[in-house]
Amino acid sequence: MKKSQPIRMCISCRTRHPQNSLIRLREEDKLVVAYSGVGRSFYLCSSCVKNEKKVKGLVKRFRQDEERFVKLLSELT
Protein backbone atom coordinates (compact mmCIF):
# COMPACT_ATOMS: atom_id res chain seq x y z
CA MET A 1 0.00 0.00 0.00
CA LYS A 2 1.40 3.40 -1.04
CA LYS A 3 1.47 6.15 1.59
CA SER A 4 -0.14 9.44 0.53
CA GLN A 5 1.93 12.61 0.23
CA PRO A 6 1.24 15.25 2.95
CA ILE A 7 -0.33 18.46 1.58
CA ARG A 8 0.65 21.82 3.09
CA MET A 9 -0.41 25.43 2.47
CA CYS A 10 1.81 28.33 1.40
CA ILE A 11 1.36 31.18 3.91
CA SER A 12 1.66 33.81 1.18
CA CYS A 13 -0.72 32.70 -1.58
CA ARG A 14 -2.69 30.11 0.44
CA THR A 15 -2.45 27.45 -2.27
CA ARG A 16 -1.96 23.82 -1.33
CA HIS A 17 1.05 21.82 -2.54
CA PRO A 18 2.78 18.53 -1.69
CA GLN A 19 5.02 19.08 1.34
CA ASN A 20 8.25 18.17 -0.47
CA SER A 21 7.75 20.93 -3.08
CA LEU A 22 7.59 23.75 -0.48
CA ILE A 23 10.29 25.67 1.41
CA ARG A 24 10.00 25.25 5.17
CA LEU A 25 10.98 28.16 7.43
CA ARG A 26 10.55 29.17 11.05
CA GLU A 27 10.83 32.35 13.10
CA GLU A 28 13.54 32.35 15.75
CA ASP A 29 14.23 35.39 17.94
CA LYS A 30 12.43 37.70 15.47
CA LEU A 31 14.49 36.33 12.54
CA VAL A 32 13.19 34.00 9.84
CA VAL A 33 15.55 31.02 9.46
CA ALA A 34 15.55 27.65 7.72
CA TYR A 35 13.61 24.98 9.61
CA SER A 36 15.90 22.94 11.88
CA GLY A 37 13.45 20.27 13.03
CA VAL A 38 12.39 21.98 16.26
CA GLY A 39 9.45 24.29 16.87
CA ARG A 40 6.61 25.63 14.72
CA SER A 41 7.24 26.34 11.09
CA PHE A 42 5.58 27.67 7.95
CA TYR A 43 5.82 26.96 4.23
CA LEU A 44 6.41 29.05 1.10
CA CYS A 45 5.86 27.86 -2.47
CA SER A 46 8.46 28.47 -5.17
CA SER A 47 6.21 30.86 -7.13
CA CYS A 48 5.90 33.16 -4.09
CA VAL A 49 9.66 33.06 -3.51
CA LYS A 50 10.22 34.24 -7.11
CA ASN A 51 7.53 36.94 -6.93
CA GLU A 52 9.23 40.17 -5.82
CA LYS A 53 5.98 41.77 -4.63
CA LYS A 54 5.13 38.84 -2.35
CA VAL A 55 8.67 38.75 -0.93
CA LYS A 56 8.39 42.44 -0.05
CA GLY A 57 5.10 41.70 1.72
CA LEU A 58 6.72 38.87 3.71
CA VAL A 59 9.64 41.13 4.66
CA LYS A 60 7.14 43.63 6.04
CA ARG A 61 5.02 40.94 7.73
CA PHE A 62 7.95 39.41 9.62
CA ARG A 63 9.86 42.73 10.04
CA GLN A 64 12.98 41.37 8.37
CA ASP A 65 16.02 42.91 6.72
CA GLU A 66 15.09 42.55 3.03
CA GLU A 67 18.62 41.76 1.82
CA ARG A 68 19.15 38.98 4.38
CA PHE A 69 15.68 37.51 3.77
CA VAL A 70 16.12 37.41 -0.02
CA LYS A 71 19.55 35.80 0.42
CA LEU A 72 18.05 33.11 2.71
CA LEU A 73 15.30 32.33 0.19
CA SER A 74 17.78 32.10 -2.69
CA GLU A 75 19.96 29.68 -0.68
CA LEU A 76 16.96 27.41 0.03
CA THR A 77 15.66 27.25 -3.56
PDB file of N, CA and C in Angstrom:
ATOM      1  N   MET A   1       0.837  -1.187   0.000  1.00  0.00           N
ATOM      2  CA  MET A   1       0.000   0.000   0.000  1.00  0.00           C
ATOM      3  C   MET A   1       0.881   1.248   0.000  1.00  0.00           C
ATOM      4  N   LYS A   2       0.606   2.186  -0.908  1.00  0.00           N
ATOM      5  CA  LYS A   2       1.398   3.396  -1.043  1.00  0.00           C
ATOM      6  C   LYS A   2       0.896   4.466  -0.074  1.00  0.00           C
ATOM      7  N   LYS A   3       1.825   5.102   0.650  1.00  0.00           N
ATOM      8  CA  LYS A   3       1.474   6.151   1.595  1.00  0.00           C
ATOM      9  C   LYS A   3       1.219   7.457   0.841  1.00  0.00           C
ATOM     10  N   SER A   4       0.186   8.193   1.230  1.00  0.00           N
ATOM     11  CA  SER A   4      -0.140   9.439   0.531  1.00  0.00           C
ATOM     12  C   SER A   4       0.830  10.552   0.937  1.00  0.00           C
ATOM     13  N   GLN A   5       1.024  11.481   0.029  1.00  0.00           N
ATOM     14  CA  GLN A   5       1.933  12.611   0.234  1.00  0.00           C
ATOM     15  C   GLN A   5       1.230  13.682   1.072  1.00  0.00           C
ATOM     16  N   PRO A   6       1.860  14.188   2.151  1.00  0.00           N
ATOM     17  CA  PRO A   6       1.237  15.254   2.947  1.00  0.00           C
ATOM     18  C   PRO A   6       1.070  16.529   2.115  1.00  0.00           C
ATOM     19  N   ILE A   7      -0.044  17.209   2.285  1.00  0.00           N
ATOM     20  CA  ILE A   7      -0.332  18.455   1.584  1.00  0.00           C
ATOM     21  C   ILE A   7      -0.238  19.601   2.596  1.00  0.00           C
ATOM     22  N   ARG A   8       0.482  20.658   2.218  1.00  0.00           N
ATOM     23  CA  ARG A   8       0.648  21.818   3.094  1.00  0.00           C
ATOM     24  C   ARG A   8       0.279  23.085   2.330  1.00  0.00           C
ATOM     25  N   MET A   9       0.027  24.175   3.070  1.00  0.00           N
ATOM     26  CA  MET A   9      -0.405  25.430   2.466  1.00  0.00           C
ATOM     27  C   MET A   9       0.688  26.481   2.542  1.00  0.00           C
ATOM     28  N   CYS A  10       0.886  27.195   1.454  1.00  0.00           N
ATOM     29  CA  CYS A  10       1.814  28.325   1.402  1.00  0.00           C
ATOM     30  C   CYS A  10       1.183  29.475   2.193  1.00  0.00           C
ATOM     31  N   ILE A  11       1.942  30.110   3.088  1.00  0.00           N
ATOM     32  CA  ILE A  11       1.362  31.184   3.905  1.00  0.00           C
ATOM     33  C   ILE A  11       1.154  32.470   3.114  1.00  0.00           C
ATOM     34  N   SER A  12       1.782  32.589   1.969  1.00  0.00           N
ATOM     35  CA  SER A  12       1.665  33.807   1.184  1.00  0.00           C
ATOM     36  C   SER A  12       0.460  33.779   0.243  1.00  0.00           C
ATOM     37  N   CYS A  13       0.361  32.749  -0.589  1.00  0.00           N
ATOM     38  CA  CYS A  13      -0.721  32.699  -1.584  1.00  0.00           C
ATOM     39  C   CYS A  13      -1.858  31.770  -1.182  1.00  0.00           C
ATOM     40  N   ARG A  14      -1.677  31.019  -0.099  1.00  0.00           N
ATOM     41  CA  ARG A  14      -2.692  30.113   0.440  1.00  0.00           C
ATOM     42  C   ARG A  14      -3.083  28.977  -0.505  1.00  0.00           C
ATOM     43  N   THR A  15      -2.190  28.605  -1.415  1.00  0.00           N
ATOM     44  CA  THR A  15      -2.452  27.449  -2.273  1.00  0.00           C
ATOM     45  C   THR A  15      -1.856  26.214  -1.612  1.00  0.00           C
ATOM     46  N   ARG A  16      -2.420  25.069  -1.930  1.00  0.00           N
ATOM     47  CA  ARG A  16      -1.959  23.822  -1.333  1.00  0.00           C
ATOM     48  C   ARG A  16      -1.047  23.078  -2.304  1.00  0.00           C
ATOM     49  N   HIS A  17       0.043  22.536  -1.745  1.00  0.00           N
ATOM     50  CA  HIS A  17       1.045  21.823  -2.536  1.00  0.00           C
ATOM     51  C   HIS A  17       1.527  20.606  -1.751  1.00  0.00           C
ATOM     52  N   PRO A  18       2.133  19.623  -2.431  1.00  0.00           N
ATOM     53  CA  PRO A  18       2.782  18.531  -1.693  1.00  0.00           C
ATOM     54  C   PRO A  18       3.900  19.105  -0.813  1.00  0.00           C
ATOM     55  N   GLN A  19       4.063  18.551   0.353  1.00  0.00           N
ATOM     56  CA  GLN A  19       5.015  19.079   1.335  1.00  0.00           C
ATOM     57  C   GLN A  19       6.443  19.163   0.798  1.00  0.00           C
ATOM     58  N   ASN A  20       6.861  18.177  -0.001  1.00  0.00           N
ATOM     59  CA  ASN A  20       8.252  18.169  -0.465  1.00  0.00           C
ATOM     60  C   ASN A  20       8.536  19.226  -1.532  1.00  0.00           C
ATOM     61  N   SER A  21       7.521  19.901  -2.070  1.00  0.00           N
ATOM     62  CA  SER A  21       7.749  20.935  -3.077  1.00  0.00           C
ATOM     63  C   SER A  21       7.797  22.344  -2.470  1.00  0.00           C
ATOM     64  N   LEU A  22       7.615  22.458  -1.156  1.00  0.00           N
ATOM     65  CA  LEU A  22       7.595  23.751  -0.484  1.00  0.00           C
ATOM     66  C   LEU A  22       8.875  23.997   0.305  1.00  0.00           C
ATOM     67  N   ILE A  23       9.153  25.275   0.572  1.00  0.00           N
ATOM     68  CA  ILE A  23      10.291  25.666   1.409  1.00  0.00           C
ATOM     69  C   ILE A  23       9.768  25.832   2.823  1.00  0.00           C
ATOM     70  N   ARG A  24      10.445  25.214   3.781  1.00  0.00           N
ATOM     71  CA  ARG A  24       9.997  25.253   5.170  1.00  0.00           C
ATOM     72  C   ARG A  24      10.893  26.191   5.979  1.00  0.00           C
ATOM     73  N   LEU A  25      10.267  27.154   6.637  1.00  0.00           N
ATOM     74  CA  LEU A  25      10.982  28.162   7.426  1.00  0.00           C
ATOM     75  C   LEU A  25      10.377  28.244   8.814  1.00  0.00           C
ATOM     76  N   ARG A  26      11.102  28.902   9.722  1.00  0.00           N
ATOM     77  CA  ARG A  26      10.551  29.171  11.052  1.00  0.00           C
ATOM     78  C   ARG A  26      11.083  30.509  11.536  1.00  0.00           C
ATOM     79  N   GLU A  27      10.406  31.076  12.520  1.00  0.00           N
ATOM     80  CA  GLU A  27      10.832  32.352  13.096  1.00  0.00           C
ATOM     81  C   GLU A  27      11.531  32.072  14.422  1.00  0.00           C
ATOM     82  N   GLU A  28      12.746  32.582  14.546  1.00  0.00           N
ATOM     83  CA  GLU A  28      13.541  32.352  15.754  1.00  0.00           C
ATOM     84  C   GLU A  28      14.126  33.679  16.211  1.00  0.00           C
ATOM     85  N   ASP A  29      13.767  34.111  17.395  1.00  0.00           N
ATOM     86  CA  ASP A  29      14.233  35.389  17.942  1.00  0.00           C
ATOM     87  C   ASP A  29      14.030  36.537  16.960  1.00  0.00           C
ATOM     88  N   LYS A  30      12.826  36.646  16.408  1.00  0.00           N
ATOM     89  CA  LYS A  30      12.428  37.703  15.468  1.00  0.00           C
ATOM     90  C   LYS A  30      13.155  37.635  14.130  1.00  0.00           C
ATOM     91  N   LEU A  31      13.850  36.530  13.842  1.00  0.00           N
ATOM     92  CA  LEU A  31      14.491  36.327  12.544  1.00  0.00           C
ATOM     93  C   LEU A  31      13.898  35.094  11.882  1.00  0.00           C
ATOM     94  N   VAL A  32      13.660  35.169  10.587  1.00  0.00           N
ATOM     95  CA  VAL A  32      13.192  34.002   9.843  1.00  0.00           C
ATOM     96  C   VAL A  32      14.422  33.207   9.427  1.00  0.00           C
ATOM     97  N   VAL A  33      14.425  31.905   9.765  1.00  0.00           N
ATOM     98  CA  VAL A  33      15.551  31.024   9.458  1.00  0.00           C
ATOM     99  C   VAL A  33      15.026  29.730   8.835  1.00  0.00           C
ATOM    100  N   ALA A  34      15.931  28.949   8.266  1.00  0.00           N
ATOM    101  CA  ALA A  34      15.551  27.651   7.723  1.00  0.00           C
ATOM    102  C   ALA A  34      15.097  26.746   8.859  1.00  0.00           C
ATOM    103  N   TYR A  35      14.144  25.882   8.593  1.00  0.00           N
ATOM    104  CA  TYR A  35      13.610  24.985   9.610  1.00  0.00           C
ATOM    105  C   TYR A  35      14.677  23.982  10.033  1.00  0.00           C
ATOM    106  N   SER A  36      14.858  23.820  11.344  1.00  0.00           N
ATOM    107  CA  SER A  36      15.903  22.937  11.876  1.00  0.00           C
ATOM    108  C   SER A  36      15.353  21.666  12.502  1.00  0.00           C
ATOM    109  N   GLY A  37      14.036  21.471  12.465  1.00  0.00           N
ATOM    110  CA  GLY A  37      13.451  20.269  13.034  1.00  0.00           C
ATOM    111  C   GLY A  37      12.825  20.477  14.398  1.00  0.00           C
ATOM    112  N   VAL A  38      12.942  21.690  14.944  1.00  0.00           N
ATOM    113  CA  VAL A  38      12.393  21.978  16.264  1.00  0.00           C
ATOM    114  C   VAL A  38      11.496  23.209  16.167  1.00  0.00           C
ATOM    115  N   GLY A  39      10.330  23.143  16.798  1.00  0.00           N
ATOM    116  CA  GLY A  39       9.447  24.295  16.866  1.00  0.00           C
ATOM    117  C   GLY A  39       8.444  24.363  15.737  1.00  0.00           C
ATOM    118  N   ARG A  40       7.636  25.424  15.752  1.00  0.00           N
ATOM    119  CA  ARG A  40       6.614  25.626  14.725  1.00  0.00           C
ATOM    120  C   ARG A  40       7.250  26.206  13.469  1.00  0.00           C
ATOM    121  N   SER A  41       6.674  25.866  12.343  1.00  0.00           N
ATOM    122  CA  SER A  41       7.235  26.337  11.089  1.00  0.00           C
ATOM    123  C   SER A  41       6.123  26.760  10.139  1.00  0.00           C
ATOM    124  N   PHE A  42       6.525  27.293   8.993  1.00  0.00           N
ATOM    125  CA  PHE A  42       5.577  27.668   7.949  1.00  0.00           C
ATOM    126  C   PHE A  42       6.210  27.372   6.599  1.00  0.00           C
ATOM    127  N   TYR A  43       5.375  27.356   5.563  1.00  0.00           N
ATOM    128  CA  TYR A  43       5.819  26.963   4.229  1.00  0.00           C
ATOM    129  C   TYR A  43       5.622  28.089   3.229  1.00  0.00           C
ATOM    130  N   LEU A  44       6.526  28.140   2.235  1.00  0.00           N
ATOM    131  CA  LEU A  44       6.407  29.052   1.104  1.00  0.00           C
ATOM    132  C   LEU A  44       6.562  28.251  -0.179  1.00  0.00           C
ATOM    133  N   CYS A  45       5.725  28.548  -1.180  1.00  0.00           N
ATOM    134  CA  CYS A  45       5.857  27.857  -2.470  1.00  0.00           C
ATOM    135  C   CYS A  45       6.900  28.581  -3.328  1.00  0.00           C
ATOM    136  N   SER A  46       7.406  27.899  -4.330  1.00  0.00           N
ATOM    137  CA  SER A  46       8.463  28.467  -5.168  1.00  0.00           C
ATOM    138  C   SER A  46       7.985  29.669  -5.979  1.00  0.00           C
ATOM    139  N   SER A  47       6.708  29.709  -6.365  1.00  0.00           N
ATOM    140  CA  SER A  47       6.212  30.863  -7.130  1.00  0.00           C
ATOM    141  C   SER A  47       6.181  32.123  -6.271  1.00  0.00           C
ATOM    142  N   CYS A  48       5.887  32.000  -4.986  1.00  0.00           N
ATOM    143  CA  CYS A  48       5.896  33.159  -4.087  1.00  0.00           C
ATOM    144  C   CYS A  48       7.317  33.630  -3.806  1.00  0.00           C
ATOM    145  N   VAL A  49       8.251  32.707  -3.743  1.00  0.00           N
ATOM    146  CA  VAL A  49       9.656  33.065  -3.509  1.00  0.00           C
ATOM    147  C   VAL A  49      10.194  33.872  -4.687  1.00  0.00           C
ATOM    148  N   LYS A  50       9.754  33.548  -5.899  1.00  0.00           N
ATOM    149  CA  LYS A  50      10.220  34.236  -7.108  1.00  0.00           C
ATOM    150  C   LYS A  50       9.488  35.551  -7.355  1.00  0.00           C
ATOM    151  N   ASN A  51       8.332  35.747  -6.728  1.00  0.00           N
ATOM    152  CA  ASN A  51       7.526  36.941  -6.925  1.00  0.00           C
ATOM    153  C   ASN A  51       8.029  38.056  -6.000  1.00  0.00           C
ATOM    154  N   GLU A  52       8.614  39.093  -6.592  1.00  0.00           N
ATOM    155  CA  GLU A  52       9.233  40.175  -5.825  1.00  0.00           C
ATOM    156  C   GLU A  52       8.230  40.901  -4.915  1.00  0.00           C
ATOM    157  N   LYS A  53       7.004  41.076  -5.401  1.00  0.00           N
ATOM    158  CA  LYS A  53       5.979  41.769  -4.630  1.00  0.00           C
ATOM    159  C   LYS A  53       5.611  40.984  -3.367  1.00  0.00           C
ATOM    160  N   LYS A  54       5.485  39.670  -3.501  1.00  0.00           N
ATOM    161  CA  LYS A  54       5.129  38.836  -2.352  1.00  0.00           C
ATOM    162  C   LYS A  54       6.272  38.775  -1.345  1.00  0.00           C
ATOM    163  N   VAL A  55       7.504  38.755  -1.832  1.00  0.00           N
ATOM    164  CA  VAL A  55       8.668  38.746  -0.930  1.00  0.00           C
ATOM    165  C   VAL A  55       8.698  40.029  -0.119  1.00  0.00           C
ATOM    166  N   LYS A  56       8.422  41.165  -0.770  1.00  0.00           N
ATOM    167  CA  LYS A  56       8.389  42.441  -0.045  1.00  0.00           C
ATOM    168  C   LYS A  56       7.310  42.424   1.038  1.00  0.00           C
ATOM    169  N   GLY A  57       6.167  41.819   0.738  1.00  0.00           N
ATOM    170  CA  GLY A  57       5.097  41.695   1.721  1.00  0.00           C
ATOM    171  C   GLY A  57       5.515  40.834   2.901  1.00  0.00           C
ATOM    172  N   LEU A  58       6.237  39.753   2.634  1.00  0.00           N
ATOM    173  CA  LEU A  58       6.719  38.875   3.709  1.00  0.00           C
ATOM    174  C   LEU A  58       7.774  39.576   4.559  1.00  0.00           C
ATOM    175  N   VAL A  59       8.630  40.360   3.916  1.00  0.00           N
ATOM    176  CA  VAL A  59       9.644  41.128   4.655  1.00  0.00           C
ATOM    177  C   VAL A  59       8.950  42.061   5.642  1.00  0.00           C
ATOM    178  N   LYS A  60       7.893  42.709   5.181  1.00  0.00           N
ATOM    179  CA  LYS A  60       7.141  43.632   6.039  1.00  0.00           C
ATOM    180  C   LYS A  60       6.407  42.866   7.141  1.00  0.00           C
ATOM    181  N   ARG A  61       5.805  41.741   6.778  1.00  0.00           N
ATOM    182  CA  ARG A  61       5.020  40.944   7.730  1.00  0.00           C
ATOM    183  C   ARG A  61       5.871  40.438   8.888  1.00  0.00           C
ATOM    184  N   PHE A  62       7.071  39.967   8.585  1.00  0.00           N
ATOM    185  CA  PHE A  62       7.951  39.415   9.620  1.00  0.00           C
ATOM    186  C   PHE A  62       8.984  40.420  10.127  1.00  0.00           C
ATOM    187  N   ARG A  63       8.911  41.662   9.628  1.00  0.00           N
ATOM    188  CA  ARG A  63       9.855  42.725  10.041  1.00  0.00           C
ATOM    189  C   ARG A  63      11.303  42.265   9.885  1.00  0.00           C
ATOM    190  N   GLN A  64      11.652  41.889   8.662  1.00  0.00           N
ATOM    191  CA  GLN A  64      12.980  41.370   8.370  1.00  0.00           C
ATOM    192  C   GLN A  64      13.807  42.382   7.587  1.00  0.00           C
ATOM    193  N   ASP A  65      15.129  42.187   7.603  1.00  0.00           N
ATOM    194  CA  ASP A  65      16.021  42.913   6.724  1.00  0.00           C
ATOM    195  C   ASP A  65      15.853  42.293   5.336  1.00  0.00           C
ATOM    196  N   GLU A  66      15.445  43.078   4.358  1.00  0.00           N
ATOM    197  CA  GLU A  66      15.093  42.545   3.035  1.00  0.00           C
ATOM    198  C   GLU A  66      16.261  41.815   2.377  1.00  0.00           C
ATOM    199  N   GLU A  67      17.451  42.373   2.455  1.00  0.00           N
ATOM    200  CA  GLU A  67      18.617  41.757   1.817  1.00  0.00           C
ATOM    201  C   GLU A  67      18.918  40.368   2.406  1.00  0.00           C
ATOM    202  N   ARG A  68      18.878  40.259   3.726  1.00  0.00           N
ATOM    203  CA  ARG A  68      19.151  38.976   4.379  1.00  0.00           C
ATOM    204  C   ARG A  68      18.058  37.956   4.061  1.00  0.00           C
ATOM    205  N   PHE A  69      16.808  38.393   4.043  1.00  0.00           N
ATOM    206  CA  PHE A  69      15.675  37.508   3.775  1.00  0.00           C
ATOM    207  C   PHE A  69      15.729  36.967   2.348  1.00  0.00           C
ATOM    208  N   VAL A  70      16.011  37.832   1.382  1.00  0.00           N
ATOM    209  CA  VAL A  70      16.115  37.412  -0.021  1.00  0.00           C
ATOM    210  C   VAL A  70      17.281  36.435  -0.188  1.00  0.00           C
ATOM    211  N   LYS A  71      18.388  36.696   0.490  1.00  0.00           N
ATOM    212  CA  LYS A  71      19.546  35.801   0.423  1.00  0.00           C
ATOM    213  C   LYS A  71      19.200  34.420   0.990  1.00  0.00           C
ATOM    214  N   LEU A  72      18.474  34.374   2.114  1.00  0.00           N
ATOM    215  CA  LEU A  72      18.050  33.110   2.713  1.00  0.00           C
ATOM    216  C   LEU A  72      17.155  32.332   1.750  1.00  0.00           C
ATOM    217  N   LEU A  73      16.200  33.002   1.129  1.00  0.00           N
ATOM    218  CA  LEU A  73      15.297  32.331   0.192  1.00  0.00           C
ATOM    219  C   LEU A  73      16.060  31.812  -1.028  1.00  0.00           C
ATOM    220  N   SER A  74      17.017  32.563  -1.514  1.00  0.00           N
ATOM    221  CA  SER A  74      17.779  32.095  -2.689  1.00  0.00           C
ATOM    222  C   SER A  74      18.653  30.902  -2.343  1.00  0.00           C
ATOM    223  N   GLU A  75      19.155  30.827  -1.115  1.00  0.00           N
ATOM    224  CA  GLU A  75      19.956  29.680  -0.684  1.00  0.00           C
ATOM    225  C   GLU A  75      19.102  28.413  -0.581  1.00  0.00           C
ATOM    226  N   LEU A  76      17.831  28.575  -0.186  1.00  0.00           N
ATOM    227  CA  LEU A  76      16.958  27.414   0.030  1.00  0.00           C
ATOM    228  C   LEU A  76      16.272  26.915  -1.239  1.00  0.00           C
ATOM    229  N   THR A  77      16.307  27.709  -2.315  1.00  0.00           N
ATOM    230  CA  THR A  77      15.659  27.247  -3.556  1.00  0.00           C
ATOM    231  C   THR A  77      16.624  26.547  -4.470  1.00  0.00           C
TER     232      THR A  77
END
